[in-house]
Amino acid sequence: MKQNQDNWTLYGQSFHSRLLIGSALYPSPAVMREAITASGSEIITVSLRRQSPSEAGGEGFWQQLKSLNKTLLPNTAGCHSVKEAVTLAQMSRELFETDWLKLEVVGDDYNLQPDPLGTVEAAEQLIKLGFKVFPYCTDDLVVCQRLRDAGCQVLMPWGSPIGTGRGLMNPYNLQTIRERIPELPLIVDAGIGKPSHAVQALELGYDGILLNTAIAQAGNPVLMARAFRDAVAAGRQATLAGAMPERQTASPSTPTLGMPFWHQQ
């Protein structure tokens, strides 16, 4: 398959890589830069709270990001209310010069679970303000439907809570969302800990993966970035290839199993 034959589109922009990657928690800016390059990702999430160019040390970090020439996806990480998320989004748009926004409204500090009501309300307001919203939400079908109805053209349900690395806690929920909302790009965001988790998400029919900690805090972030790049590609190719159906009973791979070849005539 030629590279440009499996591109996907997010808010009118075409991409080849289906791996979105965060820019926090790396051992150093140099490792971050090398890992992002190794991942092949074309979209990088940034947090105004943590990575503002105007903050101490932020300018150098910002220059590192700019030199990568990737599409930036600012986020509202750490916001606990609709008002806070909308205000931070407007500041991010001004500083990072993009309407793209990963919307996060925290509902519970214990597991950083998104606030479903706050996320929907914030999405409605931000879309009216011209933002292109990527909402981070739980794997709840109804919440995803409300976000779609609000005008979100991409949905990002979690695999499991942020930073846990537990993978896909509820594949049934994720598969149901995929089946009921076939018209939108779906990205599993958060909870991915291993490349095998990424493969599973792509095999469920998801269009992409967004992760940070699994690469940034790996023993070798650059090597792990390559592993995730290859895993996402493998999962996508498996989906396109079409897996065999599961069967309740055994079925011999050789039709004449157990029969001597000289008796097969």
Foldseek 3Di string as FASTA:
>chain_A
DDQPPDWDDAPRDTDRFQEEEEQPQAPDLVLSLLQVVLLVDQEYEDECVVQPCPDVVNVVSVVSVVVSVGHYEYEQPPAAALVSQLVRLVVCCVRVVALHYEYAHAPDPVQSAGDLVRQLVSLLVSVVVVHQYEYEHALAQVSVVSSVVSPHQEYEHELGGAPPLQARPDLVSLLVNCVVPVRGAYEHEHNNQALVSLLVSLLSVHRHYYHYCNQRVDPRNNVRSNSNSVSNVNSNVCNVVDDDDDDPDDDDPDNCPPDPPVPPD
